[in-house]
Amino acid sequence: MPRFLTLADVAEQLQISAAACYALVHSGELPAFQIGGRGQWRVDEAKFEQFIDDRHAAARTMLATENSVTAE
């Protein structure tokens, strides 16, 4: 895998639309930068992996919270 991914690459890996991927970048949830004369977006592979890890952690926390509320 290359060090930098296009938004199309990221969208494909996450199985989301290009628009949803751009929204993640635009909101700041997914760190990215623009490069070149046409301002094409790129995502650092390490930051993409961290984004995925953070989402997994958030999902685990949400499920643990839901399970603790249900158990009470």
PDB file of N, CA and C in Angstrom:
ATOM      1  N   MET A   1       0.854  -1.175   0.000  1.00  0.00           N
ATOM      2  CA  MET A   1       0.000   0.000   0.000  1.00  0.00           C
ATOM      3  C   MET A   1       0.903   1.243   0.000  1.00  0.00           C
ATOM      4  N   PRO A   2       0.561   2.249  -0.810  1.00  0.00           N
ATOM      5  CA  PRO A   2       1.375   3.467  -0.829  1.00  0.00           C
ATOM      6  C   PRO A   2       1.222   4.257   0.464  1.00  0.00           C
ATOM      7  N   ARG A   3       2.169   5.158   0.707  1.00  0.00           N
ATOM      8  CA  ARG A   3       2.122   5.959   1.933  1.00  0.00           C
ATOM      9  C   ARG A   3       0.923   6.892   1.948  1.00  0.00           C
ATOM     10  N   PHE A   4       0.567   7.443   0.779  1.00  0.00           N
ATOM     11  CA  PHE A   4      -0.552   8.377   0.705  1.00  0.00           C
ATOM     12  C   PHE A   4      -1.670   7.775  -0.131  1.00  0.00           C
ATOM     13  N   LEU A   5      -2.885   7.929   0.334  1.00  0.00           N
ATOM     14  CA  LEU A   5      -4.059   7.385  -0.338  1.00  0.00           C
ATOM     15  C   LEU A   5      -4.898   8.522  -0.904  1.00  0.00           C
ATOM     16  N   THR A   6      -5.528   8.271  -2.031  1.00  0.00           N
ATOM     17  CA  THR A   6      -6.496   9.232  -2.554  1.00  0.00           C
ATOM     18  C   THR A   6      -7.804   9.053  -1.790  1.00  0.00           C
ATOM     19  N   LEU A   7      -8.698  10.026  -1.917  1.00  0.00           N
ATOM     20  CA  LEU A   7     -10.001   9.882  -1.278  1.00  0.00           C
ATOM     21  C   LEU A   7     -10.779   8.725  -1.894  1.00  0.00           C
ATOM     22  N   ALA A   8     -10.558   8.467  -3.179  1.00  0.00           N
ATOM     23  CA  ALA A   8     -11.201   7.316  -3.820  1.00  0.00           C
ATOM     24  C   ALA A   8     -10.710   6.011  -3.198  1.00  0.00           C
ATOM     25  N   ASP A   9      -9.408   5.930  -2.902  1.00  0.00           N
ATOM     26  CA  ASP A   9      -8.853   4.742  -2.243  1.00  0.00           C
ATOM     27  C   ASP A   9      -9.478   4.551  -0.863  1.00  0.00           C
ATOM     28  N   VAL A  10      -9.558   5.635  -0.110  1.00  0.00           N
ATOM     29  CA  VAL A  10     -10.122   5.580   1.237  1.00  0.00           C
ATOM     30  C   VAL A  10     -11.593   5.172   1.179  1.00  0.00           C
ATOM     31  N   ALA A  11     -12.341   5.786   0.277  1.00  0.00           N
ATOM     32  CA  ALA A  11     -13.764   5.463   0.133  1.00  0.00           C
ATOM     33  C   ALA A  11     -13.954   3.991  -0.207  1.00  0.00           C
ATOM     34  N   GLU A  12     -13.116   3.476  -1.090  1.00  0.00           N
ATOM     35  CA  GLU A  12     -13.213   2.068  -1.465  1.00  0.00           C
ATOM     36  C   GLU A  12     -12.924   1.158  -0.276  1.00  0.00           C
ATOM     37  N   GLN A  13     -11.887   1.479   0.486  1.00  0.00           N
ATOM     38  CA  GLN A  13     -11.534   0.637   1.632  1.00  0.00           C
ATOM     39  C   GLN A  13     -12.602   0.671   2.714  1.00  0.00           C
ATOM     40  N   LEU A  14     -13.222   1.832   2.908  1.00  0.00           N
ATOM     41  CA  LEU A  14     -14.269   1.957   3.926  1.00  0.00           C
ATOM     42  C   LEU A  14     -15.637   1.540   3.399  1.00  0.00           C
ATOM     43  N   GLN A  15     -15.719   1.308   2.093  1.00  0.00           N
ATOM     44  CA  GLN A  15     -16.967   0.954   1.423  1.00  0.00           C
ATOM     45  C   GLN A  15     -18.037   2.022   1.660  1.00  0.00           C
ATOM     46  N   ILE A  16     -17.627   3.276   1.405  1.00  0.00           N
ATOM     47  CA  ILE A  16     -18.528   4.413   1.491  1.00  0.00           C
ATOM     48  C   ILE A  16     -18.420   5.202   0.189  1.00  0.00           C
ATOM     49  N   SER A  17     -19.324   6.143   0.004  1.00  0.00           N
ATOM     50  CA  SER A  17     -19.277   6.952  -1.215  1.00  0.00           C
ATOM     51  C   SER A  17     -18.136   7.965  -1.139  1.00  0.00           C
ATOM     52  N   ALA A  18     -17.768   8.477  -2.305  1.00  0.00           N
ATOM     53  CA  ALA A  18     -16.734   9.511  -2.362  1.00  0.00           C
ATOM     54  C   ALA A  18     -17.201  10.750  -1.597  1.00  0.00           C
ATOM     55  N   ALA A  19     -18.496  11.068  -1.690  1.00  0.00           N
ATOM     56  CA  ALA A  19     -19.031  12.227  -0.984  1.00  0.00           C
ATOM     57  C   ALA A  19     -18.933  12.048   0.530  1.00  0.00           C
ATOM     58  N   ALA A  20     -19.211  10.851   1.013  1.00  0.00           N
ATOM     59  CA  ALA A  20     -19.110  10.581   2.456  1.00  0.00           C
ATOM     60  C   ALA A  20     -17.662  10.682   2.909  1.00  0.00           C
ATOM     61  N   CYS A  21     -16.754  10.229   2.083  1.00  0.00           N
ATOM     62  CA  CYS A  21     -15.328  10.320   2.405  1.00  0.00           C
ATOM     63  C   CYS A  21     -14.898  11.781   2.472  1.00  0.00           C
ATOM     64  N   TYR A  22     -15.310  12.572   1.493  1.00  0.00           N
ATOM     65  CA  TYR A  22     -14.982  13.997   1.493  1.00  0.00           C
ATOM     66  C   TYR A  22     -15.565  14.673   2.733  1.00  0.00           C
ATOM     67  N   ALA A  23     -16.763  14.270   3.144  1.00  0.00           N
ATOM     68  CA  ALA A  23     -17.386  14.851   4.341  1.00  0.00           C
ATOM     69  C   ALA A  23     -16.543  14.556   5.577  1.00  0.00           C
ATOM     70  N   LEU A  24     -15.973  13.363   5.671  1.00  0.00           N
ATOM     71  CA  LEU A  24     -15.100  13.027   6.804  1.00  0.00           C
ATOM     72  C   LEU A  24     -13.871  13.930   6.825  1.00  0.00           C
ATOM     73  N   VAL A  25     -13.321  14.190   5.643  1.00  0.00           N
ATOM     74  CA  VAL A  25     -12.154  15.067   5.544  1.00  0.00           C
ATOM     75  C   VAL A  25     -12.553  16.501   5.867  1.00  0.00           C
ATOM     76  N   HIS A  26     -13.644  16.954   5.273  1.00  0.00           N
ATOM     77  CA  HIS A  26     -14.094  18.337   5.451  1.00  0.00           C
ATOM     78  C   HIS A  26     -14.427  18.639   6.922  1.00  0.00           C
ATOM     79  N   SER A  27     -14.956  17.658   7.641  1.00  0.00           N
ATOM     80  CA  SER A  27     -15.313  17.850   9.046  1.00  0.00           C
ATOM     81  C   SER A  27     -14.094  17.798   9.965  1.00  0.00           C
ATOM     82  N   GLY A  28     -12.964  17.292   9.441  1.00  0.00           N
ATOM     83  CA  GLY A  28     -11.762  17.165  10.254  1.00  0.00           C
ATOM     84  C   GLY A  28     -11.640  15.825  10.946  1.00  0.00           C
ATOM     85  N   GLU A  29     -12.627  14.951  10.775  1.00  0.00           N
ATOM     86  CA  GLU A  29     -12.563  13.630  11.400  1.00  0.00           C
ATOM     87  C   GLU A  29     -11.441  12.780  10.809  1.00  0.00           C
ATOM     88  N   LEU A  30     -11.207  12.927   9.512  1.00  0.00           N
ATOM     89  CA  LEU A  30     -10.154  12.190   8.823  1.00  0.00           C
ATOM     90  C   LEU A  30      -9.110  13.186   8.342  1.00  0.00           C
ATOM     91  N   PRO A  31      -7.926  13.179   8.957  1.00  0.00           N
ATOM     92  CA  PRO A  31      -6.887  14.129   8.548  1.00  0.00           C
ATOM     93  C   PRO A  31      -6.446  13.888   7.102  1.00  0.00           C
ATOM     94  N   ALA A  32      -6.369  14.960   6.334  1.00  0.00           N
ATOM     95  CA  ALA A  32      -5.944  14.883   4.941  1.00  0.00           C
ATOM     96  C   ALA A  32      -5.327  16.219   4.553  1.00  0.00           C
ATOM     97  N   PHE A  33      -4.676  16.232   3.400  1.00  0.00           N
ATOM     98  CA  PHE A  33      -4.092  17.483   2.910  1.00  0.00           C
ATOM     99  C   PHE A  33      -4.259  17.545   1.400  1.00  0.00           C
ATOM    100  N   GLN A  34      -4.219  18.760   0.893  1.00  0.00           N
ATOM    101  CA  GLN A  34      -4.314  18.966  -0.542  1.00  0.00           C
ATOM    102  C   GLN A  34      -2.920  19.163  -1.124  1.00  0.00           C
ATOM    103  N   ILE A  35      -2.737  18.648  -2.326  1.00  0.00           N
ATOM    104  CA  ILE A  35      -1.432  18.747  -2.975  1.00  0.00           C
ATOM    105  C   ILE A  35      -1.624  18.945  -4.475  1.00  0.00           C
ATOM    106  N   GLY A  36      -0.670  19.599  -5.067  1.00  0.00           N
ATOM    107  CA  GLY A  36      -0.690  19.782  -6.510  1.00  0.00           C
ATOM    108  C   GLY A  36      -1.512  20.976  -6.944  1.00  0.00           C
ATOM    109  N   GLY A  37      -1.379  21.319  -8.205  1.00  0.00           N
ATOM    110  CA  GLY A  37      -2.068  22.469  -8.760  1.00  0.00           C
ATOM    111  C   GLY A  37      -3.569  22.343  -8.755  1.00  0.00           C
ATOM    112  N   ARG A  38      -4.065  21.117  -8.803  1.00  0.00           N
ATOM    113  CA  ARG A  38      -5.509  20.904  -8.793  1.00  0.00           C
ATOM    114  C   ARG A  38      -6.054  20.658  -7.392  1.00  0.00           C
ATOM    115  N   GLY A  39      -5.195  20.689  -6.393  1.00  0.00           N
ATOM    116  CA  GLY A  39      -5.635  20.545  -5.003  1.00  0.00           C
ATOM    117  C   GLY A  39      -6.238  19.190  -4.686  1.00  0.00           C
ATOM    118  N   GLN A  40      -5.622  18.137  -5.186  1.00  0.00           N
ATOM    119  CA  GLN A  40      -6.125  16.800  -4.920  1.00  0.00           C
ATOM    120  C   GLN A  40      -5.842  16.407  -3.470  1.00  0.00           C
ATOM    121  N   TRP A  41      -6.804  15.755  -2.856  1.00  0.00           N
ATOM    122  CA  TRP A  41      -6.687  15.364  -1.456  1.00  0.00           C
ATOM    123  C   TRP A  41      -5.905  14.070  -1.328  1.00  0.00           C
ATOM    124  N   ARG A  42      -5.098  13.997  -0.266  1.00  0.00           N
ATOM    125  CA  ARG A  42      -4.357  12.785   0.070  1.00  0.00           C
ATOM    126  C   ARG A  42      -4.478  12.536   1.575  1.00  0.00           C
ATOM    127  N   VAL A  43      -4.490  11.260   1.926  1.00  0.00           N
ATOM    128  CA  VAL A  43      -4.570  10.837   3.325  1.00  0.00           C
ATOM    129  C   VAL A  43      -3.344   9.982   3.607  1.00  0.00           C
ATOM    130  N   ASP A  44      -2.613  10.331   4.651  1.00  0.00           N
ATOM    131  CA  ASP A  44      -1.446   9.546   5.055  1.00  0.00           C
ATOM    132  C   ASP A  44      -1.934   8.185   5.551  1.00  0.00           C
ATOM    133  N   GLU A  45      -1.299   7.126   5.088  1.00  0.00           N
ATOM    134  CA  GLU A  45      -1.706   5.768   5.462  1.00  0.00           C
ATOM    135  C   GLU A  45      -1.733   5.575   6.980  1.00  0.00           C
ATOM    136  N   ALA A  46      -0.723   6.089   7.676  1.00  0.00           N
ATOM    137  CA  ALA A  46      -0.661   5.938   9.133  1.00  0.00           C
ATOM    138  C   ALA A  46      -1.845   6.640   9.803  1.00  0.00           C
ATOM    139  N   LYS A  47      -2.208   7.810   9.299  1.00  0.00           N
ATOM    140  CA  LYS A  47      -3.350   8.534   9.878  1.00  0.00           C
ATOM    141  C   LYS A  47      -4.660   7.813   9.557  1.00  0.00           C
ATOM    142  N   PHE A  48      -4.727   7.195   8.394  1.00  0.00           N
ATOM    143  CA  PHE A  48      -5.906   6.411   8.032  1.00  0.00           C
ATOM    144  C   PHE A  48      -6.047   5.212   8.967  1.00  0.00           C
ATOM    145  N   GLU A  49      -4.946   4.518   9.232  1.00  0.00           N
ATOM    146  CA  GLU A  49      -4.976   3.380  10.157  1.00  0.00           C
ATOM    147  C   GLU A  49      -5.377   3.839  11.560  1.00  0.00           C
ATOM    148  N   GLN A  50      -4.884   5.007  11.983  1.00  0.00           N
ATOM    149  CA  GLN A  50      -5.254   5.544  13.293  1.00  0.00           C
ATOM    150  C   GLN A  50      -6.741   5.891  13.328  1.00  0.00           C
ATOM    151  N   PHE A  51      -7.251   6.443  12.239  1.00  0.00           N
ATOM    152  CA  PHE A  51      -8.678   6.756  12.124  1.00  0.00           C
ATOM    153  C   PHE A  51      -9.511   5.492  12.330  1.00  0.00           C
ATOM    154  N   ILE A  52      -9.118   4.410  11.680  1.00  0.00           N
ATOM    155  CA  ILE A  52      -9.841   3.142  11.820  1.00  0.00           C
ATOM    156  C   ILE A  52      -9.746   2.623  13.252  1.00  0.00           C
ATOM    157  N   ASP A  53      -8.560   2.668  13.838  1.00  0.00           N
ATOM    158  CA  ASP A  53      -8.389   2.224  15.229  1.00  0.00           C
ATOM    159  C   ASP A  53      -9.254   3.049  16.176  1.00  0.00           C
ATOM    160  N   ASP A  54      -9.305   4.356  15.955  1.00  0.00           N
ATOM    161  CA  ASP A  54     -10.133   5.228  16.792  1.00  0.00           C
ATOM    162  C   ASP A  54     -11.607   4.875  16.659  1.00  0.00           C
ATOM    163  N   ARG A  55     -12.046   4.558  15.453  1.00  0.00           N
ATOM    164  CA  ARG A  55     -13.450   4.180  15.236  1.00  0.00           C
ATOM    165  C   ARG A  55     -13.772   2.864  15.941  1.00  0.00           C
ATOM    166  N   HIS A  56     -12.837   1.921  15.902  1.00  0.00           N
ATOM    167  CA  HIS A  56     -13.038   0.657  16.618  1.00  0.00           C
ATOM    168  C   HIS A  56     -13.165   0.908  18.123  1.00  0.00           C
ATOM    169  N   ALA A  57     -12.291   1.744  18.656  1.00  0.00           N
ATOM    170  CA  ALA A  57     -12.329   2.053  20.087  1.00  0.00           C
ATOM    171  C   ALA A  57     -13.634   2.736  20.458  1.00  0.00           C
ATOM    172  N   ALA A  58     -14.091   3.653  19.618  1.00  0.00           N
ATOM    173  CA  ALA A  58     -15.350   4.358  19.891  1.00  0.00           C
ATOM    174  C   ALA A  58     -16.529   3.381  19.872  1.00  0.00           C
ATOM    175  N   ALA A  59     -16.509   2.433  18.948  1.00  0.00           N
ATOM    176  CA  ALA A  59     -17.579   1.442  18.871  1.00  0.00           C
ATOM    177  C   ALA A  59     -17.577   0.545  20.109  1.00  0.00           C
ATOM    178  N   ARG A  60     -16.382   0.129  20.557  1.00  0.00           N
ATOM    179  CA  ARG A  60     -16.297  -0.699  21.769  1.00  0.00           C
ATOM    180  C   ARG A  60     -16.823   0.055  22.978  1.00  0.00           C
ATOM    181  N   THR A  61     -16.467   1.319  23.094  1.00  0.00           N
ATOM    182  CA  THR A  61     -16.932   2.136  24.219  1.00  0.00           C
ATOM    183  C   THR A  61     -18.446   2.286  24.181  1.00  0.00           C
ATOM    184  N   MET A  62     -18.989   2.551  22.996  1.00  0.00           N
ATOM    185  CA  MET A  62     -20.434   2.714  22.854  1.00  0.00           C
ATOM    186  C   MET A  62     -21.166   1.428  23.245  1.00  0.00           C
ATOM    187  N   LEU A  63     -20.659   0.290  22.773  1.00  0.00           N
ATOM    188  CA  LEU A  63     -21.294  -0.980  23.105  1.00  0.00           C
ATOM    189  C   LEU A  63     -21.190  -1.287  24.595  1.00  0.00           C
ATOM    190  N   ALA A  64     -20.049  -1.001  25.198  1.00  0.00           N
ATOM    191  CA  ALA A  64     -19.886  -1.243  26.629  1.00  0.00           C
ATOM    192  C   ALA A  64     -20.851  -0.364  27.427  1.00  0.00           C
ATOM    193  N   THR A  65     -21.027   0.879  27.012  1.00  0.00           N
ATOM    194  CA  THR A  65     -21.943   1.794  27.686  1.00  0.00           C
ATOM    195  C   THR A  65     -23.376   1.305  27.546  1.00  0.00           C
ATOM    196  N   GLU A  66     -23.748   0.903  26.341  1.00  0.00           N
ATOM    197  CA  GLU A  66     -25.105   0.395  26.114  1.00  0.00           C
ATOM    198  C   GLU A  66     -25.367  -0.865  26.934  1.00  0.00           C
ATOM    199  N   ASN A  67     -24.377  -1.748  26.993  1.00  0.00           N
ATOM    200  CA  ASN A  67     -24.537  -2.993  27.752  1.00  0.00           C
ATOM    201  C   ASN A  67     -24.639  -2.730  29.245  1.00  0.00           C
ATOM    202  N   SER A  68     -23.906  -1.750  29.762  1.00  0.00           N
ATOM    203  CA  SER A  68     -23.972  -1.457  31.193  1.00  0.00           C
ATOM    204  C   SER A  68     -25.309  -0.817  31.555  1.00  0.00           C
ATOM    205  N   VAL A  69     -25.865  -0.010  30.677  1.00  0.00           N
ATOM    206  CA  VAL A  69     -27.177   0.608  30.923  1.00  0.00           C
ATOM    207  C   VAL A  69     -28.254  -0.446  30.869  1.00  0.00           C
ATOM    208  N   THR A  70     -28.148  -1.387  29.942  1.00  0.00           N
ATOM    209  CA  THR A  70     -29.132  -2.453  29.801  1.00  0.00           C
ATOM    210  C   THR A  70     -29.105  -3.398  31.004  1.00  0.00           C
ATOM    211  N   ALA A  71     -27.928  -3.616  31.567  1.00  0.00           N
ATOM    212  CA  ALA A  71     -27.762  -4.541  32.676  1.00  0.00           C
ATOM    213  C   ALA A  71     -28.319  -3.973  33.991  1.00  0.00           C
ATOM    214  N   GLU A  72     -28.482  -2.669  34.051  1.00  0.00           N
ATOM    215  CA  GLU A  72     -28.945  -2.049  35.306  1.00  0.00           C
ATOM    216  C   GLU A  72     -30.403  -2.219  35.533  1.00  0.00           C
TER     217      GLU A  72
END
